[in-house]
Amino acid sequence: MISKEELMQRVARIDYWHPADTTATVCCLVFKNGMTALGWSACANPKEFDSELGKKYALDDAVERSLGFIAWEQANERQS
């Protein structure tokens, strides 16, 4: 399995969005090979919203969603 550190080495850039008037944060990982992965977070209590924590949790979610695909990609590379 690929580690988070190995996965992050494959990332070309990270974009974040915070839709107006929400507690949602969206993270888009753009990989060097052109693949993208989205992650998101949302605070249940608008009074406790922290944009930096929103980014952290959205990034964690995007990484988690990416790990399986990257592992599958590596397995296919080994078979070629």
PDB file of N, CA and C in Angstrom:
ATOM      1  N   MET A   1       0.841  -1.182   0.000  1.00  0.00           N
ATOM      2  CA  MET A   1       0.000   0.000   0.000  1.00  0.00           C
ATOM      3  C   MET A   1       0.887   1.246   0.000  1.00  0.00           C
ATOM      4  N   ILE A   2       0.445   2.259  -0.645  1.00  0.00           N
ATOM      5  CA  ILE A   2       1.195   3.501  -0.745  1.00  0.00           C
ATOM      6  C   ILE A   2       0.958   4.346   0.518  1.00  0.00           C
ATOM      7  N   SER A   3       1.980   5.034   0.951  1.00  0.00           N
ATOM      8  CA  SER A   3       1.850   5.896   2.129  1.00  0.00           C
ATOM      9  C   SER A   3       1.330   7.274   1.702  1.00  0.00           C
ATOM     10  N   LYS A   4       0.855   8.033   2.671  1.00  0.00           N
ATOM     11  CA  LYS A   4       0.390   9.402   2.385  1.00  0.00           C
ATOM     12  C   LYS A   4       1.533  10.237   1.818  1.00  0.00           C
ATOM     13  N   GLU A   5       2.726  10.057   2.344  1.00  0.00           N
ATOM     14  CA  GLU A   5       3.877  10.813   1.866  1.00  0.00           C
ATOM     15  C   GLU A   5       4.177  10.499   0.401  1.00  0.00           C
ATOM     16  N   GLU A   6       4.119   9.208   0.032  1.00  0.00           N
ATOM     17  CA  GLU A   6       4.348   8.820  -1.365  1.00  0.00           C
ATOM     18  C   GLU A   6       3.259   9.393  -2.268  1.00  0.00           C
ATOM     19  N   LEU A   7       2.041   9.360  -1.786  1.00  0.00           N
ATOM     20  CA  LEU A   7       0.937   9.902  -2.569  1.00  0.00           C
ATOM     21  C   LEU A   7       1.134  11.395  -2.796  1.00  0.00           C
ATOM     22  N   MET A   8       1.513  12.130  -1.765  1.00  0.00           N
ATOM     23  CA  MET A   8       1.676  13.579  -1.881  1.00  0.00           C
ATOM     24  C   MET A   8       2.806  13.948  -2.840  1.00  0.00           C
ATOM     25  N   GLN A   9       3.787  13.070  -3.022  1.00  0.00           N
ATOM     26  CA  GLN A   9       4.852  13.323  -3.992  1.00  0.00           C
ATOM     27  C   GLN A   9       4.325  13.272  -5.421  1.00  0.00           C
ATOM     28  N   ARG A  10       3.181  12.645  -5.629  1.00  0.00           N
ATOM     29  CA  ARG A  10       2.575  12.547  -6.957  1.00  0.00           C
ATOM     30  C   ARG A  10       1.655  13.727  -7.269  1.00  0.00           C
ATOM     31  N   VAL A  11       1.421  14.591  -6.281  1.00  0.00           N
ATOM     32  CA  VAL A  11       0.487  15.708  -6.437  1.00  0.00           C
ATOM     33  C   VAL A  11       1.198  16.907  -7.061  1.00  0.00           C
ATOM     34  N   ALA A  12       0.600  17.437  -8.115  1.00  0.00           N
ATOM     35  CA  ALA A  12       1.133  18.636  -8.770  1.00  0.00           C
ATOM     36  C   ALA A  12       0.663  19.900  -8.050  1.00  0.00           C
ATOM     37  N   ARG A  13      -0.613  19.896  -7.626  1.00  0.00           N
ATOM     38  CA  ARG A  13      -1.130  21.059  -6.897  1.00  0.00           C
ATOM     39  C   ARG A  13      -2.386  20.669  -6.113  1.00  0.00           C
ATOM     40  N   ILE A  14      -2.727  21.538  -5.174  1.00  0.00           N
ATOM     41  CA  ILE A  14      -3.918  21.348  -4.349  1.00  0.00           C
ATOM     42  C   ILE A  14      -4.739  22.625  -4.412  1.00  0.00           C
ATOM     43  N   ASP A  15      -6.007  22.483  -4.758  1.00  0.00           N
ATOM     44  CA  ASP A  15      -6.924  23.625  -4.788  1.00  0.00           C
ATOM     45  C   ASP A  15      -7.998  23.422  -3.727  1.00  0.00           C
ATOM     46  N   TYR A  16      -8.427  24.520  -3.108  1.00  0.00           N
ATOM     47  CA  TYR A  16      -9.487  24.484  -2.104  1.00  0.00           C
ATOM     48  C   TYR A  16     -10.598  25.445  -2.497  1.00  0.00           C
ATOM     49  N   TRP A  17     -11.829  25.090  -2.156  1.00  0.00           N
ATOM     50  CA  TRP A  17     -12.979  25.969  -2.332  1.00  0.00           C
ATOM     51  C   TRP A  17     -13.776  25.999  -1.047  1.00  0.00           C
ATOM     52  N   HIS A  18     -14.316  27.151  -0.766  1.00  0.00           N
ATOM     53  CA  HIS A  18     -15.228  27.312   0.363  1.00  0.00           C
ATOM     54  C   HIS A  18     -16.481  27.987  -0.185  1.00  0.00           C
ATOM     55  N   PRO A  19     -17.538  27.210  -0.476  1.00  0.00           N
ATOM     56  CA  PRO A  19     -18.760  27.820  -1.006  1.00  0.00           C
ATOM     57  C   PRO A  19     -19.315  28.864  -0.033  1.00  0.00           C
ATOM     58  N   ALA A  20     -19.683  30.007  -0.565  1.00  0.00           N
ATOM     59  CA  ALA A  20     -20.175  31.115   0.253  1.00  0.00           C
ATOM     60  C   ALA A  20     -21.361  30.693   1.120  1.00  0.00           C
ATOM     61  N   ASP A  21     -21.377  31.215   2.319  1.00  0.00           N
ATOM     62  CA  ASP A  21     -22.474  31.004   3.262  1.00  0.00           C
ATOM     63  C   ASP A  21     -22.665  29.545   3.661  1.00  0.00           C
ATOM     64  N   THR A  22     -21.577  28.758   3.634  1.00  0.00           N
ATOM     65  CA  THR A  22     -21.637  27.358   4.072  1.00  0.00           C
ATOM     66  C   THR A  22     -20.477  27.087   5.025  1.00  0.00           C
ATOM     67  N   THR A  23     -20.520  25.924   5.633  1.00  0.00           N
ATOM     68  CA  THR A  23     -19.384  25.459   6.438  1.00  0.00           C
ATOM     69  C   THR A  23     -18.641  24.356   5.705  1.00  0.00           C
ATOM     70  N   ALA A  24     -18.876  24.244   4.409  1.00  0.00           N
ATOM     71  CA  ALA A  24     -18.234  23.200   3.609  1.00  0.00           C
ATOM     72  C   ALA A  24     -16.900  23.686   3.054  1.00  0.00           C
ATOM     73  N   THR A  25     -15.953  22.757   2.957  1.00  0.00           N
ATOM     74  CA  THR A  25     -14.670  22.999   2.307  1.00  0.00           C
ATOM     75  C   THR A  25     -14.427  21.846   1.350  1.00  0.00           C
ATOM     76  N   VAL A  26     -14.032  22.159   0.136  1.00  0.00           N
ATOM     77  CA  VAL A  26     -13.736  21.149  -0.881  1.00  0.00           C
ATOM     78  C   VAL A  26     -12.257  21.238  -1.222  1.00  0.00           C
ATOM     79  N   CYS A  27     -11.633  20.078  -1.362  1.00  0.00           N
ATOM     80  CA  CYS A  27     -10.222  19.991  -1.723  1.00  0.00           C
ATOM     81  C   CYS A  27     -10.111  19.196  -3.023  1.00  0.00           C
ATOM     82  N   CYS A  28      -9.319  19.695  -3.950  1.00  0.00           N
ATOM     83  CA  CYS A  28      -9.062  18.977  -5.197  1.00  0.00           C
ATOM     84  C   CYS A  28      -7.561  18.723  -5.315  1.00  0.00           C
ATOM     85  N   LEU A  29      -7.186  17.460  -5.305  1.00  0.00           N
ATOM     86  CA  LEU A  29      -5.798  17.075  -5.556  1.00  0.00           C
ATOM     87  C   LEU A  29      -5.651  16.897  -7.059  1.00  0.00           C
ATOM     88  N   VAL A  30      -4.691  17.569  -7.643  1.00  0.00           N
ATOM     89  CA  VAL A  30      -4.401  17.417  -9.066  1.00  0.00           C
ATOM     90  C   VAL A  30      -3.055  16.706  -9.153  1.00  0.00           C
ATOM     91  N   PHE A  31      -3.083  15.488  -9.671  1.00  0.00           N
ATOM     92  CA  PHE A  31      -1.878  14.673  -9.744  1.00  0.00           C
ATOM     93  C   PHE A  31      -1.073  14.985 -10.991  1.00  0.00           C
ATOM     94  N   LYS A  32       0.193  14.687 -10.925  1.00  0.00           N
ATOM     95  CA  LYS A  32       1.103  14.938 -12.041  1.00  0.00           C
ATOM     96  C   LYS A  32       0.686  14.192 -13.301  1.00  0.00           C
ATOM     97  N   ASN A  33      -0.019  13.074 -13.158  1.00  0.00           N
ATOM     98  CA  ASN A  33      -0.461  12.298 -14.315  1.00  0.00           C
ATOM     99  C   ASN A  33      -1.806  12.779 -14.859  1.00  0.00           C
ATOM    100  N   GLY A  34      -2.353  13.865 -14.269  1.00  0.00           N
ATOM    101  CA  GLY A  34      -3.615  14.424 -14.743  1.00  0.00           C
ATOM    102  C   GLY A  34      -4.835  13.980 -13.966  1.00  0.00           C
ATOM    103  N   MET A  35      -4.712  12.951 -13.166  1.00  0.00           N
ATOM    104  CA  MET A  35      -5.827  12.481 -12.356  1.00  0.00           C
ATOM    105  C   MET A  35      -6.187  13.535 -11.318  1.00  0.00           C
ATOM    106  N   THR A  36      -7.455  13.586 -10.940  1.00  0.00           N
ATOM    107  CA  THR A  36      -7.882  14.466  -9.861  1.00  0.00           C
ATOM    108  C   THR A  36      -8.646  13.660  -8.827  1.00  0.00           C
ATOM    109  N   ALA A  37      -8.639  14.146  -7.603  1.00  0.00           N
ATOM    110  CA  ALA A  37      -9.401  13.522  -6.527  1.00  0.00           C
ATOM    111  C   ALA A  37      -9.983  14.625  -5.666  1.00  0.00           C
ATOM    112  N   LEU A  38     -11.242  14.461  -5.302  1.00  0.00           N
ATOM    113  CA  LEU A  38     -11.917  15.438  -4.459  1.00  0.00           C
ATOM    114  C   LEU A  38     -12.109  14.895  -3.051  1.00  0.00           C
ATOM    115  N   GLY A  39     -12.057  15.798  -2.106  1.00  0.00           N
ATOM    116  CA  GLY A  39     -12.383  15.488  -0.719  1.00  0.00           C
ATOM    117  C   GLY A  39     -13.134  16.662  -0.155  1.00  0.00           C
ATOM    118  N   TRP A  40     -13.865  16.432   0.912  1.00  0.00           N
ATOM    119  CA  TRP A  40     -14.627  17.534   1.483  1.00  0.00           C
ATOM    120  C   TRP A  40     -14.796  17.373   2.974  1.00  0.00           C
ATOM    121  N   SER A  41     -15.157  18.475   3.584  1.00  0.00           N
ATOM    122  CA  SER A  41     -15.470  18.484   5.004  1.00  0.00           C
ATOM    123  C   SER A  41     -16.562  19.524   5.223  1.00  0.00           C
ATOM    124  N   ALA A  42     -17.259  19.401   6.331  1.00  0.00           N
ATOM    125  CA  ALA A  42     -18.277  20.379   6.690  1.00  0.00           C
ATOM    126  C   ALA A  42     -18.390  20.419   8.207  1.00  0.00           C
ATOM    127  N   CYS A  43     -18.498  21.600   8.727  1.00  0.00           N
ATOM    128  CA  CYS A  43     -18.641  21.792  10.165  1.00  0.00           C
ATOM    129  C   CYS A  43     -20.127  21.763  10.512  1.00  0.00           C
ATOM    130  N   ALA A  44     -20.494  20.999  11.523  1.00  0.00           N
ATOM    131  CA  ALA A  44     -21.901  20.873  11.908  1.00  0.00           C
ATOM    132  C   ALA A  44     -22.435  22.158  12.533  1.00  0.00           C
ATOM    133  N   ASN A  45     -21.578  22.899  13.211  1.00  0.00           N
ATOM    134  CA  ASN A  45     -22.002  24.120  13.883  1.00  0.00           C
ATOM    135  C   ASN A  45     -21.342  25.321  13.211  1.00  0.00           C
ATOM    136  N   PRO A  46     -22.109  26.141  12.488  1.00  0.00           N
ATOM    137  CA  PRO A  46     -21.522  27.288  11.781  1.00  0.00           C
ATOM    138  C   PRO A  46     -20.719  28.226  12.684  1.00  0.00           C
ATOM    139  N   LYS A  47     -21.070  28.316  13.944  1.00  0.00           N
ATOM    140  CA  LYS A  47     -20.355  29.202  14.870  1.00  0.00           C
ATOM    141  C   LYS A  47     -18.952  28.695  15.180  1.00  0.00           C
ATOM    142  N   GLU A  48     -18.700  27.407  14.927  1.00  0.00           N
ATOM    143  CA  GLU A  48     -17.392  26.808  15.213  1.00  0.00           C
ATOM    144  C   GLU A  48     -16.549  26.605  13.960  1.00  0.00           C
ATOM    145  N   PHE A  49     -17.021  27.100  12.808  1.00  0.00           N
ATOM    146  CA  PHE A  49     -16.301  26.877  11.560  1.00  0.00           C
ATOM    147  C   PHE A  49     -14.906  27.505  11.615  1.00  0.00           C
ATOM    148  N   ASP A  50     -13.914  26.722  11.188  1.00  0.00           N
ATOM    149  CA  ASP A  50     -12.516  27.167  11.113  1.00  0.00           C
ATOM    150  C   ASP A  50     -12.010  26.764   9.738  1.00  0.00           C
ATOM    151  N   SER A  51     -11.697  27.743   8.900  1.00  0.00           N
ATOM    152  CA  SER A  51     -11.331  27.429   7.516  1.00  0.00           C
ATOM    153  C   SER A  51     -10.075  26.568   7.415  1.00  0.00           C
ATOM    154  N   GLU A  52      -9.107  26.768   8.302  1.00  0.00           N
ATOM    155  CA  GLU A  52      -7.887  25.954   8.253  1.00  0.00           C
ATOM    156  C   GLU A  52      -8.176  24.502   8.626  1.00  0.00           C
ATOM    157  N   LEU A  53      -9.023  24.287   9.621  1.00  0.00           N
ATOM    158  CA  LEU A  53      -9.409  22.913   9.952  1.00  0.00           C
ATOM    159  C   LEU A  53     -10.224  22.304   8.817  1.00  0.00           C
ATOM    160  N   GLY A  54     -11.067  23.114   8.188  1.00  0.00           N
ATOM    161  CA  GLY A  54     -11.829  22.620   7.035  1.00  0.00           C
ATOM    162  C   GLY A  54     -10.911  22.143   5.930  1.00  0.00           C
ATOM    163  N   LYS A  55      -9.856  22.902   5.653  1.00  0.00           N
ATOM    164  CA  LYS A  55      -8.880  22.496   4.631  1.00  0.00           C
ATOM    165  C   LYS A  55      -8.176  21.206   5.031  1.00  0.00           C
ATOM    166  N   LYS A  56      -7.782  21.112   6.298  1.00  0.00           N
ATOM    167  CA  LYS A  56      -7.081  19.911   6.769  1.00  0.00           C
ATOM    168  C   LYS A  56      -7.951  18.670   6.581  1.00  0.00           C
ATOM    169  N   TYR A  57      -9.214  18.748   7.036  1.00  0.00           N
ATOM    170  CA  TYR A  57     -10.098  17.585   6.938  1.00  0.00           C
ATOM    171  C   TYR A  57     -10.473  17.268   5.496  1.00  0.00           C
ATOM    172  N   ALA A  58     -10.635  18.292   4.665  1.00  0.00           N
ATOM    173  CA  ALA A  58     -10.935  18.052   3.249  1.00  0.00           C
ATOM    174  C   ALA A  58      -9.739  17.404   2.551  1.00  0.00           C
ATOM    175  N   LEU A  59      -8.527  17.841   2.873  1.00  0.00           N
ATOM    176  CA  LEU A  59      -7.316  17.224   2.316  1.00  0.00           C
ATOM    177  C   LEU A  59      -7.215  15.770   2.769  1.00  0.00           C
ATOM    178  N   ASP A  60      -7.429  15.526   4.049  1.00  0.00           N
ATOM    179  CA  ASP A  60      -7.384  14.147   4.550  1.00  0.00           C
ATOM    180  C   ASP A  60      -8.378  13.268   3.808  1.00  0.00           C
ATOM    181  N   ASP A  61      -9.574  13.789   3.544  1.00  0.00           N
ATOM    182  CA  ASP A  61     -10.599  13.029   2.832  1.00  0.00           C
ATOM    183  C   ASP A  61     -10.170  12.754   1.392  1.00  0.00           C
ATOM    184  N   ALA A  62      -9.603  13.757   0.723  1.00  0.00           N
ATOM    185  CA  ALA A  62      -9.143  13.568  -0.661  1.00  0.00           C
ATOM    186  C   ALA A  62      -8.022  12.534  -0.730  1.00  0.00           C
ATOM    187  N   VAL A  63      -7.107  12.584   0.228  1.00  0.00           N
ATOM    188  CA  VAL A  63      -6.011  11.606   0.267  1.00  0.00           C
ATOM    189  C   VAL A  63      -6.580  10.206   0.471  1.00  0.00           C
ATOM    190  N   GLU A  64      -7.480  10.064   1.420  1.00  0.00           N
ATOM    191  CA  GLU A  64      -8.079   8.749   1.703  1.00  0.00           C
ATOM    192  C   GLU A  64      -8.771   8.190   0.462  1.00  0.00           C
ATOM    193  N   ARG A  65      -9.486   9.041  -0.243  1.00  0.00           N
ATOM    194  CA  ARG A  65     -10.193   8.603  -1.453  1.00  0.00           C
ATOM    195  C   ARG A  65      -9.217   8.239  -2.573  1.00  0.00           C
ATOM    196  N   SER A  66      -8.019   8.803  -2.554  1.00  0.00           N
ATOM    197  CA  SER A  66      -7.023   8.565  -3.603  1.00  0.00           C
ATOM    198  C   SER A  66      -6.198   7.308  -3.394  1.00  0.00           C
ATOM    199  N   LEU A  67      -6.026   6.894  -2.167  1.00  0.00           N
ATOM    200  CA  LEU A  67      -5.097   5.800  -1.860  1.00  0.00           C
ATOM    201  C   LEU A  67      -5.420   4.513  -2.615  1.00  0.00           C
ATOM    202  N   GLY A  68      -6.675   4.152  -2.662  1.00  0.00           N
ATOM    203  CA  GLY A  68      -7.054   2.919  -3.364  1.00  0.00           C
ATOM    204  C   GLY A  68      -6.747   2.984  -4.849  1.00  0.00           C
ATOM    205  N   PHE A  69      -7.044   4.115  -5.479  1.00  0.00           N
ATOM    206  CA  PHE A  69      -6.784   4.246  -6.901  1.00  0.00           C
ATOM    207  C   PHE A  69      -5.292   4.194  -7.194  1.00  0.00           C
ATOM    208  N   ILE A  70      -4.497   4.873  -6.376  1.00  0.00           N
ATOM    209  CA  ILE A  70      -3.055   4.883  -6.580  1.00  0.00           C
ATOM    210  C   ILE A  70      -2.485   3.474  -6.386  1.00  0.00           C
ATOM    211  N   ALA A  71      -2.970   2.752  -5.388  1.00  0.00           N
ATOM    212  CA  ALA A  71      -2.516   1.376  -5.170  1.00  0.00           C
ATOM    213  C   ALA A  71      -2.875   0.508  -6.378  1.00  0.00           C
ATOM    214  N   TRP A  72      -4.071   0.689  -6.925  1.00  0.00           N
ATOM    215  CA  TRP A  72      -4.490  -0.059  -8.113  1.00  0.00           C
ATOM    216  C   TRP A  72      -3.594   0.291  -9.297  1.00  0.00           C
ATOM    217  N   GLU A  73      -3.293   1.584  -9.454  1.00  0.00           N
ATOM    218  CA  GLU A  73      -2.426   2.036 -10.540  1.00  0.00           C
ATOM    219  C   GLU A  73      -1.037   1.394 -10.425  1.00  0.00           C
ATOM    220  N   GLN A  74      -0.493   1.353  -9.205  1.00  0.00           N
ATOM    221  CA  GLN A  74       0.819   0.743  -8.991  1.00  0.00           C
ATOM    222  C   GLN A  74       0.796  -0.746  -9.333  1.00  0.00           C
ATOM    223  N   ALA A  75      -0.265  -1.419  -8.943  1.00  0.00           N
ATOM    224  CA  ALA A  75      -0.365  -2.861  -9.233  1.00  0.00           C
ATOM    225  C   ALA A  75      -0.378  -3.099 -10.741  1.00  0.00           C
ATOM    226  N   ASN A  76      -1.083  -2.272 -11.476  1.00  0.00           N
ATOM    227  CA  ASN A  76      -1.137  -2.412 -12.937  1.00  0.00           C
ATOM    228  C   ASN A  76       0.210  -2.090 -13.575  1.00  0.00           C
ATOM    229  N   GLU A  77       0.943  -1.133 -13.013  1.00  0.00           N
ATOM    230  CA  GLU A  77       2.271  -0.813 -13.523  1.00  0.00           C
ATOM    231  C   GLU A  77       3.219  -2.001 -13.363  1.00  0.00           C
ATOM    232  N   ARG A  78       3.098  -2.720 -12.249  1.00  0.00           N
ATOM    233  CA  ARG A  78       3.957  -3.878 -11.996  1.00  0.00           C
ATOM    234  C   ARG A  78       3.658  -5.023 -12.962  1.00  0.00           C
ATOM    235  N   GLN A  79       2.379  -5.132 -13.376  1.00  0.00           N
ATOM    236  CA  GLN A  79       1.984  -6.215 -14.261  1.00  0.00           C
ATOM    237  C   GLN A  79       2.394  -5.935 -15.710  1.00  0.00           C
ATOM    238  N   SER A  80       2.652  -4.692 -16.031  1.00  0.00           N
ATOM    239  CA  SER A  80       2.985  -4.343 -17.423  1.00  0.00           C
ATOM    240  C   SER A  80       4.397  -4.731 -17.775  1.00  0.00           C
TER     241      SER A  80
END
